[in-house]
Amino acid sequence: MESFTYVNIFETKGLEYILLICFLILFVFFVRYMNATEKRT
């Protein structure tokens, strides 16, 4: 039985861009948090 499914790369690009933008935003907040804790000590 064939288990090959066709995936259109243009249909998944939107989801990939949303995940990338969310990751970058969270990364910026993480870096700011780490820098803020260094200044307190």
PDB file of N, CA and C in Angstrom:
ATOM      1  N   MET A   1       0.839  -1.179   0.000  1.00  0.00           N
ATOM      2  CA  MET A   1       0.000   0.000   0.000  1.00  0.00           C
ATOM      3  C   MET A   1       0.883   1.241   0.000  1.00  0.00           C
ATOM      4  N   GLU A   2       0.552   2.184  -0.830  1.00  0.00           N
ATOM      5  CA  GLU A   2       1.325   3.417  -0.940  1.00  0.00           C
ATOM      6  C   GLU A   2       0.988   4.335   0.235  1.00  0.00           C
ATOM      7  N   SER A   3       2.033   4.841   0.894  1.00  0.00           N
ATOM      8  CA  SER A   3       1.793   5.753   2.015  1.00  0.00           C
ATOM      9  C   SER A   3       2.357   7.141   1.728  1.00  0.00           C
ATOM     10  N   PHE A   4       2.570   7.443   0.457  1.00  0.00           N
ATOM     11  CA  PHE A   4       3.103   8.747   0.071  1.00  0.00           C
ATOM     12  C   PHE A   4       1.979   9.772   0.024  1.00  0.00           C
ATOM     13  N   THR A   5       2.196  10.906   0.708  1.00  0.00           N
ATOM     14  CA  THR A   5       1.213  11.987   0.647  1.00  0.00           C
ATOM     15  C   THR A   5       1.911  13.231   0.129  1.00  0.00           C
ATOM     16  N   TYR A   6       1.214  13.949  -0.758  1.00  0.00           N
ATOM     17  CA  TYR A   6       1.768  15.159  -1.347  1.00  0.00           C
ATOM     18  C   TYR A   6       1.582  16.320  -0.386  1.00  0.00           C
ATOM     19  N   VAL A   7       2.659  17.040  -0.082  1.00  0.00           N
ATOM     20  CA  VAL A   7       2.592  18.195   0.796  1.00  0.00           C
ATOM     21  C   VAL A   7       3.029  19.411  -0.011  1.00  0.00           C
ATOM     22  N   ASN A   8       2.160  20.372  -0.089  1.00  0.00           N
ATOM     23  CA  ASN A   8       2.478  21.607  -0.801  1.00  0.00           C
ATOM     24  C   ASN A   8       3.316  22.491   0.120  1.00  0.00           C
ATOM     25  N   ILE A   9       4.523  22.872  -0.305  1.00  0.00           N
ATOM     26  CA  ILE A   9       5.404  23.646   0.564  1.00  0.00           C
ATOM     27  C   ILE A   9       4.853  25.036   0.809  1.00  0.00           C
ATOM     28  N   PHE A  10       4.037  25.554  -0.101  1.00  0.00           N
ATOM     29  CA  PHE A  10       3.507  26.901   0.066  1.00  0.00           C
ATOM     30  C   PHE A  10       2.377  26.945   1.086  1.00  0.00           C
ATOM     31  N   GLU A  11       1.726  25.819   1.351  1.00  0.00           N
ATOM     32  CA  GLU A  11       0.673  25.779   2.363  1.00  0.00           C
ATOM     33  C   GLU A  11       1.255  25.777   3.768  1.00  0.00           C
ATOM     34  N   THR A  12       2.443  25.252   3.952  1.00  0.00           N
ATOM     35  CA  THR A  12       3.033  25.167   5.281  1.00  0.00           C
ATOM     36  C   THR A  12       3.927  26.362   5.608  1.00  0.00           C
ATOM     37  N   LYS A  13       4.199  27.225   4.636  1.00  0.00           N
ATOM     38  CA  LYS A  13       5.091  28.359   4.885  1.00  0.00           C
ATOM     39  C   LYS A  13       4.513  29.316   5.918  1.00  0.00           C
ATOM     40  N   GLY A  14       3.212  29.547   5.900  1.00  0.00           N
ATOM     41  CA  GLY A  14       2.600  30.460   6.855  1.00  0.00           C
ATOM     42  C   GLY A  14       2.810  30.005   8.278  1.00  0.00           C
ATOM     43  N   LEU A  15       2.612  28.724   8.536  1.00  0.00           N
ATOM     44  CA  LEU A  15       2.805  28.179   9.877  1.00  0.00           C
ATOM     45  C   LEU A  15       4.269  28.277  10.294  1.00  0.00           C
ATOM     46  N   GLU A  16       5.172  28.013   9.382  1.00  0.00           N
ATOM     47  CA  GLU A  16       6.595  28.098   9.706  1.00  0.00           C
ATOM     48  C   GLU A  16       6.997  29.528  10.053  1.00  0.00           C
ATOM     49  N   TYR A  17       6.471  30.501   9.311  1.00  0.00           N
ATOM     50  CA  TYR A  17       6.796  31.897   9.603  1.00  0.00           C
ATOM     51  C   TYR A  17       6.222  32.326  10.949  1.00  0.00           C
ATOM     52  N   ILE A  18       5.014  31.874  11.279  1.00  0.00           N
ATOM     53  CA  ILE A  18       4.414  32.221  12.573  1.00  0.00           C
ATOM     54  C   ILE A  18       5.251  31.637  13.704  1.00  0.00           C
ATOM     55  N   LEU A  19       5.678  30.389  13.569  1.00  0.00           N
ATOM     56  CA  LEU A  19       6.509  29.768  14.609  1.00  0.00           C
ATOM     57  C   LEU A  19       7.848  30.485  14.740  1.00  0.00           C
ATOM     58  N   LEU A  20       8.435  30.888  13.623  1.00  0.00           N
ATOM     59  CA  LEU A  20       9.717  31.584  13.652  1.00  0.00           C
ATOM     60  C   LEU A  20       9.587  32.941  14.340  1.00  0.00           C
ATOM     61  N   ILE A  21       8.533  33.672  14.025  1.00  0.00           N
ATOM     62  CA  ILE A  21       8.338  34.984  14.648  1.00  0.00           C
ATOM     63  C   ILE A  21       8.103  34.834  16.149  1.00  0.00           C
ATOM     64  N   CYS A  22       7.301  33.856  16.552  1.00  0.00           N
ATOM     65  CA  CYS A  22       7.068  33.618  17.986  1.00  0.00           C
ATOM     66  C   CYS A  22       8.363  33.240  18.696  1.00  0.00           C
ATOM     67  N   PHE A  23       9.177  32.403  18.061  1.00  0.00           N
ATOM     68  CA  PHE A  23      10.449  32.015  18.670  1.00  0.00           C
ATOM     69  C   PHE A  23      11.364  33.221  18.847  1.00  0.00           C
ATOM     70  N   LEU A  24      11.450  34.069  17.845  1.00  0.00           N
ATOM     71  CA  LEU A  24      12.330  35.236  17.940  1.00  0.00           C
ATOM     72  C   LEU A  24      11.853  36.207  19.013  1.00  0.00           C
ATOM     73  N   ILE A  25      10.537  36.409  19.117  1.00  0.00           N
ATOM     74  CA  ILE A  25      10.010  37.292  20.159  1.00  0.00           C
ATOM     75  C   ILE A  25      10.305  36.731  21.542  1.00  0.00           C
ATOM     76  N   LEU A  26      10.079  35.440  21.727  1.00  0.00           N
ATOM     77  CA  LEU A  26      10.380  34.829  23.025  1.00  0.00           C
ATOM     78  C   LEU A  26      11.873  34.858  23.321  1.00  0.00           C
ATOM     79  N   PHE A  27      12.699  34.724  22.303  1.00  0.00           N
ATOM     80  CA  PHE A  27      14.142  34.773  22.502  1.00  0.00           C
ATOM     81  C   PHE A  27      14.585  36.155  22.970  1.00  0.00           C
ATOM     82  N   VAL A  28      13.984  37.208  22.414  1.00  0.00           N
ATOM     83  CA  VAL A  28      14.314  38.573  22.837  1.00  0.00           C
ATOM     84  C   VAL A  28      13.951  38.767  24.306  1.00  0.00           C
ATOM     85  N   PHE A  29      12.751  38.316  24.705  1.00  0.00           N
ATOM     86  CA  PHE A  29      12.359  38.441  26.109  1.00  0.00           C
ATOM     87  C   PHE A  29      13.267  37.623  27.023  1.00  0.00           C
ATOM     88  N   PHE A  30      13.696  36.448  26.555  1.00  0.00           N
ATOM     89  CA  PHE A  30      14.591  35.608  27.354  1.00  0.00           C
ATOM     90  C   PHE A  30      15.940  36.295  27.558  1.00  0.00           C
ATOM     91  N   VAL A  31      16.482  36.892  26.513  1.00  0.00           N
ATOM     92  CA  VAL A  31      17.761  37.583  26.621  1.00  0.00           C
ATOM     93  C   VAL A  31      17.643  38.779  27.561  1.00  0.00           C
ATOM     94  N   ARG A  32      16.554  39.527  27.447  1.00  0.00           N
ATOM     95  CA  ARG A  32      16.339  40.664  28.352  1.00  0.00           C
ATOM     96  C   ARG A  32      16.239  40.202  29.798  1.00  0.00           C
ATOM     97  N   TYR A  33      15.552  39.083  30.030  1.00  0.00           N
ATOM     98  CA  TYR A  33      15.411  38.543  31.386  1.00  0.00           C
ATOM     99  C   TYR A  33      16.765  38.121  31.939  1.00  0.00           C
ATOM    100  N   MET A  34      17.576  37.474  31.124  1.00  0.00           N
ATOM    101  CA  MET A  34      18.883  37.022  31.589  1.00  0.00           C
ATOM    102  C   MET A  34      19.786  38.214  31.890  1.00  0.00           C
ATOM    103  N   ASN A  35      19.736  39.266  31.088  1.00  0.00           N
ATOM    104  CA  ASN A  35      20.544  40.456  31.341  1.00  0.00           C
ATOM    105  C   ASN A  35      20.063  41.178  32.574  1.00  0.00           C
ATOM    106  N   ALA A  36      18.786  41.215  32.834  1.00  0.00           N
ATOM    107  CA  ALA A  36      18.242  41.903  34.011  1.00  0.00           C
ATOM    108  C   ALA A  36      18.672  41.192  35.291  1.00  0.00           C
ATOM    109  N   THR A  37      18.731  39.866  35.278  1.00  0.00           N
ATOM    110  CA  THR A  37      19.130  39.143  36.479  1.00  0.00           C
ATOM    111  C   THR A  37      20.618  39.327  36.749  1.00  0.00           C
ATOM    112  N   GLU A  38      21.411  39.525  35.715  1.00  0.00           N
ATOM    113  CA  GLU A  38      22.840  39.748  35.929  1.00  0.00           C
ATOM    114  C   GLU A  38      23.099  41.100  36.591  1.00  0.00           C
ATOM    115  N   LYS A  39      22.319  42.106  36.254  1.00  0.00           N
ATOM    116  CA  LYS A  39      22.525  43.437  36.807  1.00  0.00           C
ATOM    117  C   LYS A  39      22.112  43.523  38.266  1.00  0.00           C
ATOM    118  N   ARG A  40      21.144  42.688  38.696  1.00  0.00           N
ATOM    119  CA  ARG A  40      20.661  42.725  40.079  1.00  0.00           C
ATOM    120  C   ARG A  40      21.688  42.214  41.057  1.00  0.00           C
ATOM    121  N   THR A  41      22.511  41.269  40.661  1.00  0.00           N
ATOM    122  CA  THR A  41      23.467  40.669  41.606  1.00  0.00           C
ATOM    123  C   THR A  41      24.715  41.488  41.764  1.00  0.00           C
TER     124      THR A  41
END
